[in-house]
């Protein structure tokens, strides 16, 4: 009898051990380390510079952004390969690299929706799938922020266990949020003159006589009229300072600028010329730009040497070396050439100013 009982106990013990091992095996994720304090993306902190592509996918398997390294730049495939927001991408990668697993959460798919970590193929998914290329990293579903606790819910794609991970990992879920939307940034202090030419022949020219002059003057004010205020032209002169756009498309798709386009030419004291064409179409507003260097323009704003009383003024000094300006113009053309940009209406309105809009009411 005692031998029989001993055999039964041994069998029970073996079954218990096997069951425990089996249970452990189904709880242990194969890719994401299943222990608090482990990195959310193991090894990423040491290989950030090796990442070549970041792919973001939203609910229903819809592509949000495919960001790829192209030489010194990053591009966004969903926007015709235009420049991506490198600062936003770098911030996301750093947060992923610094995040650690805090606490194991549910492995029950019925509860994934509470954390926003459902399979991304579902139209009801609440998170974003992140896939990295160029490094060994698991595909991750980043779900909801963790309410009163700092962190975010995450789950490795294809694994059952979800986790609370540290850090504020928020992911822009609109494609255009991954664009580098700064179009051009020419400080208004550099601008010497702006000339706006409308298709109907109406012209507006604003200018500064010397570098450092605080306000733009308006040329050829009609007789008997006066400006609404002294600095009313300043917004026109500063429109290409930190100019940002809403959307972008290849110029080949938009076709050539129509004859109805408004021409706005910006000339700087140091010889840079920015040529723009703007138009309104279908309640949207567009601009394309090109740049050039002009040595004679730069010389025009050099100080005139003073002549002694009764003597002829000495000749102007030779045209300045504008090689740096030529390089700046080339860089602008390389970046902006071949693209048409949608800009906010209030910016378009400054490109399209008319003389009458700057003057006091004549009545």
Protein backbone atom coordinates (compact mmCIF):
# COMPACT_ATOMS: atom_id res chain seq x y z
CA UNK A 1 0.00 0.00 0.00
CA UNK A 2 2.79 2.39 0.90
CA UNK A 3 4.56 1.71 -2.40
CA UNK A 4 1.35 2.33 -4.30
CA UNK A 5 0.81 5.67 -2.56
CA UNK A 6 4.39 6.69 -3.26
CA UNK A 7 3.97 5.96 -6.97
CA UNK A 8 0.82 8.09 -7.08
CA UNK A 9 2.59 10.98 -5.38
CA UNK A 10 5.47 10.80 -7.83
CA UNK A 11 3.10 10.85 -10.79
CA UNK A 12 1.20 13.82 -9.35
CA UNK A 13 4.44 15.69 -8.77
CA UNK A 14 5.64 15.09 -12.32
CA UNK A 15 2.32 16.24 -13.77
CA UNK A 16 2.47 19.40 -11.63
CA UNK A 17 5.99 20.19 -12.81
CA UNK A 18 5.08 19.64 -16.47
CA UNK A 19 1.99 21.83 -16.08
CA UNK A 20 4.03 24.57 -14.46
CA UNK A 21 6.60 24.49 -17.25
CA UNK A 22 3.89 24.57 -19.91
CA UNK A 23 2.16 27.51 -18.26
CA UNK A 24 5.47 29.35 -18.03
CA UNK A 25 6.19 28.71 -21.70
CA UNK A 26 2.94 30.25 -22.90
CA UNK A 27 3.40 33.33 -20.69
CA UNK A 28 6.95 34.02 -21.79
CA UNK A 29 7.05 36.26 -24.89
CA UNK A 30 9.60 35.08 -27.42
CA UNK A 31 10.81 38.56 -28.44
CA UNK A 32 10.01 41.14 -25.74
CA UNK A 33 11.88 40.38 -22.49
CA UNK A 34 9.25 39.36 -19.94
CA UNK A 35 10.63 41.08 -16.87
CA UNK A 36 10.08 44.48 -15.36
CA UNK A 37 13.02 46.80 -15.94
CA UNK A 38 13.93 45.35 -19.33
CA UNK A 39 14.10 47.67 -22.35
CA UNK A 40 10.97 47.98 -24.44
CA UNK A 41 13.17 47.70 -27.55
CA UNK A 42 16.32 45.83 -26.50
CA UNK A 43 19.52 47.27 -27.92
CA UNK A 44 17.92 50.23 -29.69
CA UNK A 45 19.73 52.79 -27.55
CA UNK A 46 23.06 51.57 -28.96
CA UNK A 47 21.92 51.33 -32.59
CA UNK A 48 19.79 54.42 -33.21
CA UNK A 49 22.04 55.53 -36.06
CA UNK A 50 21.55 52.18 -37.78
CA UNK A 51 17.80 52.64 -38.25
CA UNK A 52 17.08 53.05 -41.97
CA UNK A 53 13.29 52.93 -42.10
CA UNK A 54 10.48 53.56 -39.64
CA UNK A 55 7.07 52.28 -40.71
CA UNK A 56 3.93 53.41 -38.86
CA UNK A 57 0.61 51.65 -39.49
CA UNK A 58 -2.77 52.61 -38.08
CA UNK A 59 -6.14 50.91 -37.58
CA UNK A 60 -7.31 48.69 -40.41
CA UNK A 61 -3.74 48.33 -41.62
CA UNK A 62 -3.75 51.84 -43.08
CA UNK A 63 -0.29 53.27 -43.66
CA UNK A 64 0.40 56.42 -41.62
CA UNK A 65 4.03 57.05 -42.52
CA UNK A 66 6.96 55.31 -44.13
CA UNK A 67 10.03 57.28 -43.13
CA UNK A 68 13.27 56.32 -44.87
CA UNK A 69 16.83 57.57 -44.64
CA UNK A 70 18.03 59.14 -47.90
CA UNK A 71 21.62 60.29 -47.51
CA UNK A 72 21.62 63.11 -44.99
CA UNK A 73 17.84 63.42 -45.08
CA UNK A 74 14.74 61.45 -44.16
CA UNK A 75 11.83 61.26 -46.58
CA UNK A 76 8.14 60.48 -46.30
CA UNK A 77 6.96 58.00 -48.95
CA UNK A 78 3.27 58.86 -48.53
CA UNK A 79 4.03 62.47 -49.55
CA UNK A 80 5.93 61.71 -52.77
CA UNK A 81 9.26 61.33 -50.94
CA UNK A 82 9.28 64.86 -49.53
CA UNK A 83 11.42 65.73 -46.52
CA UNK A 84 10.30 64.19 -43.23
CA UNK A 85 10.15 65.82 -39.82
CA UNK A 86 13.52 64.66 -38.50
CA UNK A 87 13.07 66.28 -35.09
CA UNK A 88 9.78 64.43 -34.51
CA UNK A 89 11.27 61.15 -35.72
CA UNK A 90 14.33 61.51 -33.52
CA UNK A 91 12.14 62.21 -30.50
CA UNK A 92 10.08 59.07 -31.16
CA UNK A 93 13.14 56.85 -31.54
CA UNK A 94 14.76 58.23 -28.39
CA UNK A 95 11.60 57.61 -26.37
CA UNK A 96 11.40 54.05 -27.66
CA UNK A 97 15.06 53.49 -26.81
CA UNK A 98 14.66 54.86 -23.27
CA UNK A 99 11.40 53.08 -22.45
CA UNK A 100 11.41 50.15 -20.02
CA UNK A 101 8.86 47.49 -19.16
CA UNK A 102 7.12 48.38 -15.91
CA UNK A 103 4.38 45.84 -15.35
CA UNK A 104 2.91 42.87 -17.19
CA UNK A 105 -0.72 43.38 -18.22
CA UNK A 106 -3.36 41.21 -19.86
CA UNK A 107 -2.71 38.33 -22.24
CA UNK A 108 -6.43 38.00 -22.97
CA UNK A 109 -7.27 39.38 -26.43
CA UNK A 110 -10.79 40.20 -25.22
CA UNK A 111 -9.29 42.95 -23.04
CA UNK A 112 -6.82 44.42 -25.53
CA UNK A 113 -9.25 47.18 -26.50
CA UNK A 114 -9.05 48.57 -22.96
CA UNK A 115 -5.34 49.20 -23.50
CA UNK A 116 -5.48 50.07 -27.21
CA UNK A 117 -3.22 47.16 -28.18
CA UNK A 118 -5.54 45.22 -30.52
CA UNK A 119 -4.12 43.69 -33.69
CA UNK A 120 -3.60 46.59 -36.05
CA UNK A 121 -5.45 44.85 -38.91
CA UNK A 122 -8.70 45.49 -37.02
CA UNK A 123 -10.61 48.60 -38.03
CA UNK A 124 -11.34 49.10 -34.33
CA UNK A 125 -7.66 49.04 -33.33
CA UNK A 126 -6.69 51.77 -30.91
CA UNK A 127 -2.94 51.91 -31.36
CA UNK A 128 -0.16 52.28 -33.90
CA UNK A 129 2.16 49.54 -35.17
CA UNK A 130 5.84 50.54 -35.28
CA UNK A 131 8.31 48.58 -37.41
CA UNK A 132 12.00 49.42 -37.64
CA UNK A 133 14.42 48.39 -40.37
CA UNK A 134 18.20 48.39 -40.17
CA UNK A 135 18.17 47.09 -36.60
CA UNK A 136 16.93 43.97 -34.88
CA UNK A 137 13.76 45.10 -33.17
CA UNK A 138 10.32 43.60 -32.60
CA UNK A 139 7.28 45.08 -34.30
CA UNK A 140 5.41 46.88 -31.51
CA UNK A 141 1.84 48.00 -31.07
CA UNK A 142 1.85 51.20 -29.02
CA UNK A 143 -1.53 51.69 -27.37
CA UNK A 144 -3.15 54.11 -24.93
CA UNK A 145 -1.47 56.35 -22.42
CA UNK A 146 -1.75 54.80 -18.99
CA UNK A 147 -4.31 57.03 -17.31
CA UNK A 148 -3.16 58.09 -13.85
CA UNK A 149 0.14 56.20 -14.20
CA UNK A 150 2.94 57.60 -16.30
CA UNK A 151 3.59 55.34 -19.24
CA UNK A 152 2.01 53.69 -22.24
CA UNK A 153 0.56 50.27 -22.98
CA UNK A 154 2.44 48.19 -25.53
CA UNK A 155 2.39 44.72 -27.02
CA UNK A 156 4.73 42.96 -29.38
CA UNK A 157 2.91 42.05 -32.59
CA UNK A 158 2.19 38.34 -32.60
CA UNK A 159 2.65 37.97 -28.84
CA UNK A 160 -0.14 37.60 -26.28
CA UNK A 161 1.26 39.50 -23.30
CA UNK A 162 0.79 43.25 -23.12
CA UNK A 163 2.81 45.57 -20.92
CA UNK A 164 2.83 48.92 -19.22
CA UNK A 165 5.98 50.63 -20.47
CA UNK A 166 7.59 53.80 -19.15
CA UNK A 167 7.70 57.10 -20.99
CA UNK A 168 5.38 59.42 -22.84
CA UNK A 169 5.38 57.69 -26.22
CA UNK A 170 2.83 59.56 -28.30
CA UNK A 171 2.70 58.95 -32.03
CA UNK A 172 1.29 61.39 -34.60
CA UNK A 173 -1.36 59.41 -36.47
CA UNK A 174 -1.86 61.74 -39.47
CA UNK A 175 0.50 61.47 -42.43
CA UNK A 176 1.07 65.20 -42.85
CA UNK A 177 2.20 65.45 -39.24
CA UNK A 178 5.39 63.68 -40.31
CA UNK A 179 6.32 66.32 -42.90
CA UNK A 180 9.03 68.91 -42.33
CA UNK A 181 6.71 71.85 -42.89
CA UNK A 182 9.18 74.70 -42.74
CA UNK A 183 9.23 76.09 -46.26
CA UNK A 184 11.73 78.95 -46.03
CA UNK A 185 13.10 81.21 -43.33
CA UNK A 186 14.56 84.55 -44.47
CA UNK A 187 14.81 87.04 -41.63
CA UNK A 188 12.81 90.18 -42.34
CA UNK A 189 15.82 92.29 -41.34
CA UNK A 190 17.61 91.03 -44.49
CA UNK A 191 14.83 92.12 -46.84
CA UNK A 192 15.56 95.35 -48.70
CA UNK A 193 12.64 95.32 -51.13
CA UNK A 194 9.49 93.39 -52.02
CA UNK A 195 7.74 93.81 -55.34
CA UNK A 196 4.29 92.31 -55.93
CA UNK A 197 2.97 92.14 -59.50
CA UNK A 198 -0.66 91.18 -60.11
CA UNK A 199 -1.85 89.75 -63.45
CA UNK A 200 -4.06 92.82 -63.99
CA UNK A 201 -1.00 95.08 -63.84
CA UNK A 202 -1.46 96.34 -60.29
CA UNK A 203 1.93 96.67 -58.57
CA UNK A 204 3.07 97.19 -55.01
CA UNK A 205 6.66 97.90 -53.97
CA UNK A 206 7.84 98.22 -50.39
CA UNK A 207 11.44 98.91 -49.40
CA UNK A 208 13.99 99.93 -46.80
CA UNK A 209 16.62 102.49 -47.69
CA UNK A 210 19.25 101.15 -45.30
CA UNK A 211 19.92 97.97 -43.40
CA UNK A 212 18.54 98.20 -39.88
CA UNK A 213 15.65 100.48 -40.82
CA UNK A 214 12.78 99.29 -38.61
CA UNK A 215 9.81 99.72 -40.94
CA UNK A 216 9.23 99.19 -44.64
CA UNK A 217 8.28 102.22 -46.70
CA UNK A 218 5.75 102.07 -49.52
CA UNK A 219 6.76 103.38 -52.94
CA UNK A 220 4.55 105.50 -55.20
CA UNK A 221 1.72 106.23 -52.81
CA UNK A 222 -1.05 107.86 -54.85
CA UNK A 223 -1.31 111.61 -54.57
CA UNK A 224 -3.60 112.72 -51.78
CA UNK A 225 -3.58 109.32 -50.05
CA UNK A 226 -1.72 108.13 -46.98
CA UNK A 227 -0.90 104.88 -45.29
CA UNK A 228 -3.30 103.47 -42.73
CA UNK A 229 -0.33 103.32 -40.33
CA UNK A 230 3.42 103.69 -40.63
CA UNK A 231 4.30 100.00 -40.22
CA UNK A 232 1.43 98.53 -42.24
CA UNK A 233 3.77 97.03 -44.84
CA UNK A 234 5.90 95.10 -42.34
CA UNK A 235 3.89 91.83 -42.53
CA UNK A 236 4.49 91.75 -46.29
CA UNK A 237 8.22 92.10 -45.78
CA UNK A 238 8.29 89.32 -43.19
CA UNK A 239 6.07 86.77 -44.94
CA UNK A 240 8.99 84.52 -45.89
CA UNK A 241 10.38 84.53 -42.37
CA UNK A 242 9.63 81.10 -40.86
CA UNK A 243 7.12 80.40 -43.63
CA UNK A 244 5.43 77.02 -43.10
CA UNK A 245 3.14 75.07 -45.40
CA UNK A 246 0.11 72.82 -44.95
CA UNK A 247 0.71 70.32 -47.76
CA UNK A 248 3.04 69.65 -50.68
CA UNK A 249 2.86 68.03 -54.10
CA UNK A 250 5.23 67.65 -57.06
CA UNK A 251 5.15 70.56 -59.47
CA UNK A 252 4.73 68.08 -62.32
CA UNK A 253 1.32 67.14 -60.94
CA UNK A 254 0.23 70.76 -60.53
CA UNK A 255 1.43 71.84 -63.97
CA UNK A 256 3.05 75.18 -64.75
CA UNK A 257 2.01 78.24 -62.78
CA UNK A 258 -0.95 79.80 -64.61
CA UNK A 259 -0.84 83.24 -66.15
CA UNK A 260 -3.15 84.36 -63.32
CA UNK A 261 -0.47 83.69 -60.71
CA UNK A 262 0.71 86.65 -58.64
CA UNK A 263 4.45 87.28 -58.70
CA UNK A 264 6.13 88.37 -55.46
CA UNK A 265 9.87 89.10 -55.56
CA UNK A 266 11.93 89.47 -52.38
CA UNK A 267 15.36 91.11 -52.60
CA UNK A 268 17.82 91.17 -49.71
CA UNK A 269 20.54 93.65 -48.81
CA UNK A 270 23.20 90.98 -49.37
CA UNK A 271 22.08 89.95 -52.86
CA UNK A 272 19.68 87.04 -52.40
CA UNK A 273 16.57 87.12 -54.59
CA UNK A 274 13.54 84.94 -53.84
CA UNK A 275 11.03 84.67 -56.69
CA UNK A 276 7.57 83.38 -55.81
CA UNK A 277 4.37 82.69 -57.72
CA UNK A 278 1.16 82.38 -55.71
CA UNK A 279 -2.35 81.46 -56.75
CA UNK A 280 -5.73 80.65 -55.24
CA UNK A 281 -7.46 77.54 -56.58
CA UNK A 282 -10.46 75.59 -55.28
CA UNK A 283 -10.43 77.49 -51.96
CA UNK A 284 -6.78 76.56 -51.44
CA UNK A 285 -3.69 78.71 -51.77
CA UNK A 286 -0.41 77.70 -53.37
CA UNK A 287 3.12 79.00 -53.80
CA UNK A 288 6.26 77.86 -55.55
CA UNK A 289 9.66 79.42 -55.08
CA UNK A 290 13.07 79.81 -56.67
CA UNK A 291 16.19 81.69 -55.63
CA UNK A 292 19.10 83.52 -57.26
CA UNK A 293 22.15 85.56 -56.26
CA UNK A 294 22.61 89.12 -57.54
CA UNK A 295 25.97 90.83 -56.95
CA UNK A 296 24.78 94.15 -58.36
CA UNK A 297 21.88 94.14 -55.92
CA UNK A 298 24.30 93.66 -53.04
CA UNK A 299 26.53 96.49 -54.29
CA UNK A 300 23.53 98.80 -54.54
CA UNK A 301 23.25 98.79 -50.77
CA UNK A 302 26.94 99.36 -50.06
CA UNK A 303 27.74 102.71 -48.51
CA UNK A 304 28.51 105.44 -51.05
CA UNK A 305 32.01 106.79 -50.33
CA UNK A 306 31.85 110.43 -49.31
CA UNK A 307 33.53 113.02 -51.53
CA UNK A 308 35.44 116.01 -50.30
CA UNK A 309 33.73 119.33 -50.85
CA UNK A 310 33.96 120.38 -54.47
CA UNK A 311 35.19 116.99 -55.67
CA UNK A 312 33.53 114.31 -57.70
CA UNK A 313 32.32 111.38 -55.61
CA UNK A 314 34.65 108.38 -55.89
CA UNK A 315 33.40 105.36 -57.80
CA UNK A 316 31.49 102.66 -56.02
CA UNK A 317 33.60 99.79 -54.70
CA UNK A 318 33.61 96.61 -56.76
CA UNK A 319 30.66 94.29 -56.52
CA UNK A 320 30.91 92.21 -53.38
CA UNK A 321 31.74 88.50 -53.37
CA UNK A 322 28.35 86.81 -53.13
CA UNK A 323 29.63 83.24 -53.35
CA UNK A 324 28.04 82.43 -50.01
CA UNK A 325 24.74 83.88 -51.24
CA UNK A 326 25.05 81.86 -54.45
CA UNK A 327 25.48 78.74 -52.34
CA UNK A 328 22.43 79.67 -50.29
CA UNK A 329 20.38 80.18 -53.44
CA UNK A 330 21.52 76.83 -54.83
CA UNK A 331 20.56 75.06 -51.60
CA UNK A 332 17.12 76.67 -51.67
CA UNK A 333 16.57 75.60 -55.27
CA UNK A 334 17.70 72.05 -54.58
CA UNK A 335 15.33 71.71 -51.68
CA UNK A 336 12.29 73.59 -52.97
CA UNK A 337 12.55 73.27 -56.74
CA UNK A 338 10.01 70.96 -58.31
CA UNK A 339 7.43 71.33 -55.54
CA UNK A 340 4.20 73.28 -55.08
CA UNK A 341 3.21 74.16 -51.53
CA UNK A 342 -0.21 74.74 -50.05
CA UNK A 343 -0.01 77.62 -47.58
CA UNK A 344 -2.49 79.14 -45.12
CA UNK A 345 -4.83 81.78 -46.52
CA UNK A 346 -3.53 84.53 -44.22
CA UNK A 347 -0.03 84.00 -45.61
CA UNK A 348 -1.32 84.04 -49.17
CA UNK A 349 -3.03 87.36 -48.42
CA UNK A 350 0.34 88.94 -47.62
CA UNK A 351 1.87 87.62 -50.85
CA UNK A 352 -1.11 89.08 -52.71
CA UNK A 353 -1.29 92.54 -51.10
CA UNK A 354 -2.40 95.50 -53.19
CA UNK A 355 -1.64 99.18 -52.69
CA UNK A 356 -5.26 99.96 -51.86
CA UNK A 357 -5.17 97.58 -48.88
CA UNK A 358 -2.40 99.64 -47.24
CA UNK A 359 -4.07 103.04 -47.54
CA UNK A 360 -6.56 104.91 -45.42
CA UNK A 361 -10.11 104.99 -46.71
CA UNK A 362 -10.33 107.74 -49.32
CA UNK A 363 -13.93 108.65 -48.43
